[in-house]
Protein backbone atom coordinates (compact mmCIF):
# COMPACT_ATOMS: atom_id res chain seq x y z
CA MET A 1 42.20 104.21 100.11
CA SER A 2 44.18 104.01 103.37
CA ARG A 3 46.11 107.15 104.21
CA TYR A 4 49.01 104.88 105.17
CA LEU A 5 49.10 103.48 101.64
CA ASP A 6 48.97 107.02 100.29
CA THR A 7 52.03 107.86 102.38
CA ALA A 8 53.87 104.72 101.33
CA ARG A 9 53.27 105.37 97.64
CA ARG A 10 54.27 109.01 97.99
CA VAL A 11 57.53 108.04 99.70
CA ILE A 12 58.36 105.44 97.05
CA ALA A 13 57.49 107.84 94.23
CA THR A 14 59.69 110.54 95.76
CA GLU A 15 62.63 108.21 96.19
CA ASN A 16 62.11 106.81 92.69
CA ALA A 17 62.35 110.34 91.32
CA GLY A 18 65.60 110.77 93.22
CA LEU A 19 67.01 107.59 91.72
CA ALA A 20 66.04 108.72 88.22
CA ALA A 21 67.78 112.05 88.84
CA LEU A 22 70.86 110.20 90.11
CA SER A 23 70.99 108.04 86.99
CA ASP A 24 70.74 111.09 84.75
CA SER A 25 73.48 112.91 86.69
CA LEU A 26 76.16 110.23 86.42
CA GLY A 27 79.05 111.02 84.13
CA ALA A 28 82.81 110.84 83.78
CA SER A 29 83.39 111.03 87.53
CA PHE A 30 81.70 107.65 87.97
CA ASP A 31 84.10 106.08 85.46
CA GLN A 32 86.96 107.78 87.26
CA ALA A 33 85.81 106.36 90.60
CA VAL A 34 85.72 102.83 89.21
CA GLU A 35 89.16 103.21 87.62
CA THR A 36 90.56 104.62 90.87
CA ILE A 37 89.34 101.61 92.81
CA LEU A 38 90.64 99.19 90.18
CA ALA A 39 94.07 100.82 90.35
CA ALA A 40 94.30 100.44 94.13
CA THR A 41 96.72 97.85 95.49
CA GLY A 42 95.07 97.88 98.90
CA ARG A 43 91.50 98.01 100.14
CA VAL A 44 88.57 100.33 99.79
CA VAL A 45 87.98 102.05 103.11
CA VAL A 46 84.44 103.42 103.45
CA SER A 47 83.55 106.00 106.10
CA GLY A 48 80.56 108.10 107.03
CA MET A 49 78.74 109.41 110.09
CA GLY A 50 75.16 108.76 111.18
CA LYS A 51 72.83 107.55 108.42
CA SER A 52 75.69 107.94 105.94
CA GLY A 53 77.67 105.56 108.12
CA HIS A 54 74.94 102.94 108.01
CA ILE A 55 74.84 103.20 104.22
CA GLY A 56 78.65 103.09 104.16
CA ARG A 57 78.69 99.82 106.08
CA LYS A 58 76.38 98.27 103.52
CA ILE A 59 78.48 99.57 100.61
CA ALA A 60 81.64 98.15 102.18
CA ALA A 61 79.94 94.80 102.75
CA THR A 62 78.68 94.67 99.15
CA LEU A 63 82.11 95.52 97.77
CA ALA A 64 83.82 92.92 99.94
CA SER A 65 81.36 90.20 98.96
CA THR A 66 81.77 90.85 95.25
CA GLY A 67 85.54 90.72 94.95
CA THR A 68 86.67 94.21 96.02
CA PRO A 69 88.42 94.07 99.43
CA ALA A 70 86.73 96.69 101.57
CA GLN A 71 86.01 97.63 105.15
CA PHE A 72 84.11 100.31 107.02
CA VAL A 73 85.94 102.67 109.37
CA HIS A 74 83.87 104.81 111.71
CA PRO A 75 85.10 108.42 111.48
CA ALA A 76 84.96 108.98 115.23
CA GLU A 77 86.99 105.80 115.87
CA ALA A 78 89.36 106.86 113.11
CA SER A 79 90.16 109.99 115.10
CA HIS A 80 91.14 107.81 118.05
CA GLY A 81 93.58 105.43 116.43
CA ASP A 82 91.74 103.69 113.60
CA LEU A 83 93.31 106.00 111.03
CA GLY A 84 96.10 103.43 111.06
CA MET A 85 93.75 101.16 109.10
CA VAL A 86 93.89 103.57 106.16
CA ALA A 87 97.25 103.19 104.44
CA LYS A 88 99.03 103.87 101.16
CA GLY A 89 97.60 101.71 98.42
CA ASP A 90 94.08 102.04 99.81
CA VAL A 91 91.23 104.11 98.40
CA ALA A 92 88.88 105.99 100.72
CA ILE A 93 85.20 106.52 100.02
CA VAL A 94 83.85 109.14 102.40
CA ILE A 95 80.10 109.82 102.52
CA SER A 96 78.43 112.93 103.89
CA ASN A 97 75.20 114.34 102.53
CA SER A 98 76.16 117.89 103.46
CA GLY A 99 79.87 117.38 102.84
CA GLU A 100 80.58 119.35 106.01
CA THR A 101 80.18 116.71 108.72
CA PRO A 102 82.85 117.64 111.32
CA GLU A 103 83.56 114.02 112.29
CA ILE A 104 84.95 113.23 108.83
CA ALA A 105 87.56 116.00 108.96
CA ASP A 106 90.35 113.82 110.37
CA ILE A 107 89.95 110.98 107.89
CA VAL A 108 89.80 113.45 104.98
CA ALA A 109 92.95 115.18 106.27
CA HIS A 110 94.65 111.78 106.66
CA THR A 111 94.02 110.91 103.01
CA ARG A 112 95.46 114.27 101.92
CA ARG A 113 98.53 113.90 104.14
CA PHE A 114 99.44 110.44 102.88
CA ASP A 115 98.33 110.84 99.26
CA ILE A 116 95.52 108.27 99.55
CA PRO A 117 92.95 108.64 96.76
CA LEU A 118 89.70 110.05 98.11
CA ILE A 119 86.29 109.48 96.55
CA GLY A 120 83.78 111.84 98.10
CA ILE A 121 80.01 111.37 97.98
CA ALA A 122 77.94 114.41 98.93
CA SER A 123 75.06 116.54 97.69
CA ARG A 124 76.66 120.01 97.94
CA GLU A 125 79.00 120.92 95.11
CA ASN A 126 81.03 123.50 97.05
CA SER A 127 81.26 121.49 100.26
CA THR A 128 84.60 120.76 101.90
CA LEU A 129 84.37 117.04 101.12
CA ILE A 130 83.68 117.57 97.42
CA ARG A 131 86.43 120.19 97.10
CA GLN A 132 88.99 117.96 98.84
CA SER A 133 88.14 114.80 96.90
CA ASP A 134 90.19 113.39 94.05
CA VAL A 135 86.95 112.04 92.62
CA ALA A 136 83.70 113.80 93.48
CA LEU A 137 80.42 111.90 93.14
CA LEU A 138 77.80 114.58 93.53
CA LEU A 139 74.28 113.55 94.47
CA PRO A 140 71.64 115.54 92.58
CA THR A 141 69.24 117.83 94.38
CA ALA A 142 66.22 115.75 95.36
CA GLU A 143 63.34 116.07 97.79
CA GLU A 144 63.60 113.99 100.95
CA ALA A 145 60.67 111.61 101.18
CA CYS A 146 59.74 112.79 104.66
CA GLY A 147 58.33 115.94 103.08
CA LYS A 148 60.05 118.12 105.67
CA GLY A 149 63.59 117.96 104.31
CA ILE A 150 64.98 116.85 107.65
CA VAL A 151 65.00 113.04 107.60
CA PRO A 152 67.61 111.39 105.33
CA THR A 153 65.47 109.23 103.07
CA THR A 154 65.83 109.97 99.37
CA SER A 155 69.46 111.02 99.89
CA THR A 156 70.37 107.75 101.62
CA THR A 157 68.52 105.73 98.98
CA MET A 158 70.51 107.48 96.25
CA THR A 159 73.77 106.88 98.10
CA LEU A 160 72.96 103.21 98.55
CA ALA A 161 72.12 102.86 94.85
CA LEU A 162 75.34 104.64 93.92
CA GLY A 163 77.31 102.19 96.05
CA ASP A 164 75.55 99.28 94.38
CA ALA A 165 76.35 100.75 90.97
CA LEU A 166 80.04 100.97 91.86
CA ALA A 167 80.07 97.40 93.19
CA VAL A 168 78.37 95.94 90.13
CA ALA A 169 80.57 97.90 87.72
CA LEU A 170 83.65 96.53 89.49
CA MET A 171 82.13 93.07 89.63
CA GLU A 172 81.43 93.00 85.90
CA HIS A 173 84.90 94.31 85.05
CA ARG A 174 86.45 91.52 87.12
CA ARG A 175 84.14 88.94 85.53
CA PHE A 176 82.95 87.95 88.99
CA THR A 177 81.13 84.62 88.74
CA PRO A 178 78.76 82.63 90.98
CA GLU A 179 81.77 80.46 91.89
CA HIS A 180 83.60 83.51 93.21
CA PHE A 181 80.45 84.68 94.98
CA ARG A 182 80.11 81.39 96.83
CA THR A 183 83.67 81.78 98.16
CA PHE A 184 82.43 84.76 100.17
CA HIS A 185 78.99 83.25 100.94
CA PRO A 186 79.61 79.66 102.08
CA GLY A 187 76.85 79.68 104.68
CA GLY A 188 73.09 79.93 104.67
CA LYS A 189 70.63 79.28 101.89
CA LEU A 190 72.54 81.42 99.40
CA GLY A 191 75.69 79.39 99.94
CA ALA A 192 73.71 76.19 99.55
CA GLN A 193 72.14 77.36 96.29
CA LEU A 194 75.59 78.13 94.93
CA SER A 195 76.98 74.73 95.91
CA ARG A 196 78.14 72.42 93.18
CA VAL A 197 76.86 68.88 92.78
CA GLY A 198 80.40 67.74 93.52
CA ASP A 199 80.23 69.46 96.93
CA LEU A 200 77.21 67.42 98.03
CA MET A 201 77.41 64.12 96.13
CA HIS A 202 78.54 60.77 97.54
CA GLU A 203 81.39 58.99 95.80
CA ASP A 204 80.52 55.63 97.39
CA MET A 205 77.85 54.79 94.82
CA PRO A 206 75.53 51.82 94.36
CA LEU A 207 76.70 50.33 91.05
CA VAL A 208 76.31 46.95 89.40
CA ALA A 209 77.27 45.57 85.99
CA GLU A 210 74.70 44.81 83.30
CA ASP A 211 75.04 41.06 83.79
CA THR A 212 74.72 41.18 87.58
CA PRO A 213 72.02 38.81 88.89
CA MET A 214 69.12 40.68 90.47
CA THR A 215 69.73 38.87 93.73
CA ASP A 216 73.06 40.71 93.95
CA ALA A 217 71.59 43.96 92.63
CA LEU A 218 68.95 43.92 95.36
CA LEU A 219 71.70 43.43 97.93
CA THR A 220 73.56 46.48 96.57
CA ILE A 221 70.39 48.57 96.70
CA SER A 222 69.79 47.53 100.29
CA GLN A 223 73.38 48.06 101.46
CA LYS A 224 73.90 51.54 100.00
CA GLY A 225 70.60 52.93 101.22
CA TYR A 226 69.68 55.16 98.26
CA GLY A 227 66.82 52.99 97.05
CA VAL A 228 68.46 52.71 93.63
CA THR A 229 71.49 51.30 91.90
CA GLY A 230 73.25 52.44 88.79
CA VAL A 231 74.06 49.94 86.05
CA THR A 232 77.35 50.23 84.17
CA GLY A 233 78.42 48.80 80.85
CA ALA A 234 81.69 47.08 80.00
CA ASP A 235 83.37 50.47 79.43
CA GLY A 236 82.37 51.73 82.88
CA ARG A 237 79.77 54.16 81.56
CA LEU A 238 76.38 54.48 83.22
CA VAL A 239 73.86 52.77 80.97
CA GLY A 240 70.89 52.47 83.30
CA ILE A 241 69.38 52.75 86.74
CA ILE A 242 67.22 50.39 88.77
CA THR A 243 64.63 52.07 90.96
CA ASP A 244 61.81 50.92 93.15
CA GLY A 245 59.46 51.42 90.21
CA ASP A 246 61.56 49.11 88.04
CA LEU A 247 61.43 46.42 90.72
CA ARG A 248 57.64 46.60 90.88
CA ARG A 249 57.29 46.45 87.11
CA HIS A 250 59.42 43.30 86.92
CA MET A 251 58.17 41.59 90.06
CA ASP A 252 57.21 38.43 88.17
CA GLY A 253 60.38 36.33 88.01
CA LEU A 254 62.50 39.21 89.34
CA LEU A 255 65.12 37.04 91.03
CA ASP A 256 65.75 35.10 87.81
CA ARG A 257 66.60 38.25 85.86
CA ARG A 258 69.79 40.26 85.43
CA ALA A 259 70.30 43.99 85.96
CA ALA A 260 70.10 44.83 82.25
CA ASP A 261 66.65 43.17 82.05
CA VAL A 262 65.18 45.36 84.79
CA MET A 263 66.94 48.71 84.49
CA THR A 264 65.63 51.92 82.97
CA ALA A 265 68.09 52.74 80.20
CA SER A 266 69.69 56.16 79.63
CA PRO A 267 68.80 57.63 83.04
CA ARG A 268 68.84 61.33 83.82
CA THR A 269 72.30 62.46 84.96
CA ILE A 270 74.13 65.65 85.84
CA ARG A 271 77.72 66.83 85.85
CA ALA A 272 79.58 67.27 89.13
CA ASP A 273 80.49 70.86 88.23
CA GLN A 274 76.87 71.95 87.81
CA LEU A 275 75.03 73.88 90.50
CA ALA A 276 73.28 71.70 93.05
CA GLU A 277 70.29 73.98 92.53
CA ALA A 278 70.03 72.66 88.96
CA ALA A 279 70.13 69.08 90.27
CA LEU A 280 67.38 69.84 92.78
CA ALA A 281 65.21 71.41 90.07
CA GLU A 282 65.73 68.35 87.87
CA MET A 283 64.76 65.94 90.67
CA GLN A 284 61.69 67.96 91.57
CA SER A 285 60.50 68.31 87.98
CA ARG A 286 61.02 64.59 87.23
CA LYS A 287 59.70 63.48 90.63
CA ILE A 288 62.82 61.44 91.29
CA THR A 289 64.98 61.27 94.40
CA CYS A 290 68.49 60.61 93.04
CA LEU A 291 70.78 61.74 90.25
CA PHE A 292 74.09 60.23 89.24
CA ALA A 293 76.87 62.72 88.55
CA VAL A 294 78.82 61.64 85.49
CA ASP A 295 81.95 62.70 83.65
CA GLU A 296 81.73 61.74 79.96
CA GLY A 297 79.24 59.07 80.93
CA VAL A 298 81.33 57.58 83.74
CA PRO A 299 79.61 57.85 87.16
CA ARG A 300 81.54 59.92 89.70
CA GLY A 301 78.98 60.24 92.48
CA ILE A 302 75.33 60.15 93.47
CA LEU A 303 73.23 63.00 94.81
CA HIS A 304 70.06 62.35 96.80
CA ILE A 305 67.37 64.96 97.25
CA HIS A 306 67.87 64.67 101.01
CA ASP A 307 71.44 65.96 100.53
CA CYS A 308 69.95 69.14 99.09
CA LEU A 309 67.51 69.39 101.99
CA ARG A 310 70.28 68.94 104.55
CA ALA A 311 72.28 71.67 102.84
CA GLY A 312 69.36 74.07 103.36
CA MET A 313 68.52 74.58 99.70
CA VAL A 314 64.76 74.55 100.30
């Protein structure tokens, strides 16, 4: 076996052990941290130096994207004016593996001076950060994956997981839904996957009545450019669809027929409030290119598979 694979598996096993220890160590202070953040009227301000700072940025980003207003403040910048970003109503999460990082001293002192709740994350129980914190989240003793105890590896992995745990606990309490998530992720493939059918569909639909002559139905198909037309009944509900396959099957005497004679009855449909991802999956599984969006049977729009492609869903 490759020695590189041996190293990789040893690192992962070491960090996995750290995560297991972290899970076992969590207790009332975690609940207190969540309640402290929920009680805040302002934002969560996350700060940390070095590797802790990198992890802090990710924690702040995860919180902000899941419904908890948050931002990262660099401790060195905080000492040169950015402390003004940390105000009453906020909650500070300060991260330092040792709990003695000198650069965090000013932001910790600021939270004490202005009675701003402080959640400290560190691995040393008697450290300055833990002693000064209103809520102390103590990381358990765990071996760093570098094997030398000098490179932050297991400790940063535990901190990142702890931040994720806080974010998800807050998210679940707030009943954060995919709709809320899309508000903060409108771009990219993720935003596209969370789009609703109503966001992508076209309201200018190809529709004909059941008694429409096929000469007129063909004209509608040609003009709208979807390669299909929906067929509606007297009550305005969608009762069928005419596709290219239907035209081929009824080629003999096609122009003498009416829409109801040619259509496929009870076509597949979708609601406008469903995820566009569900519509795409339906089209792919059925090997069709269009779906009508309906509301209690009444067509409200049409979605073409190319709309999903343009949105970047695949």
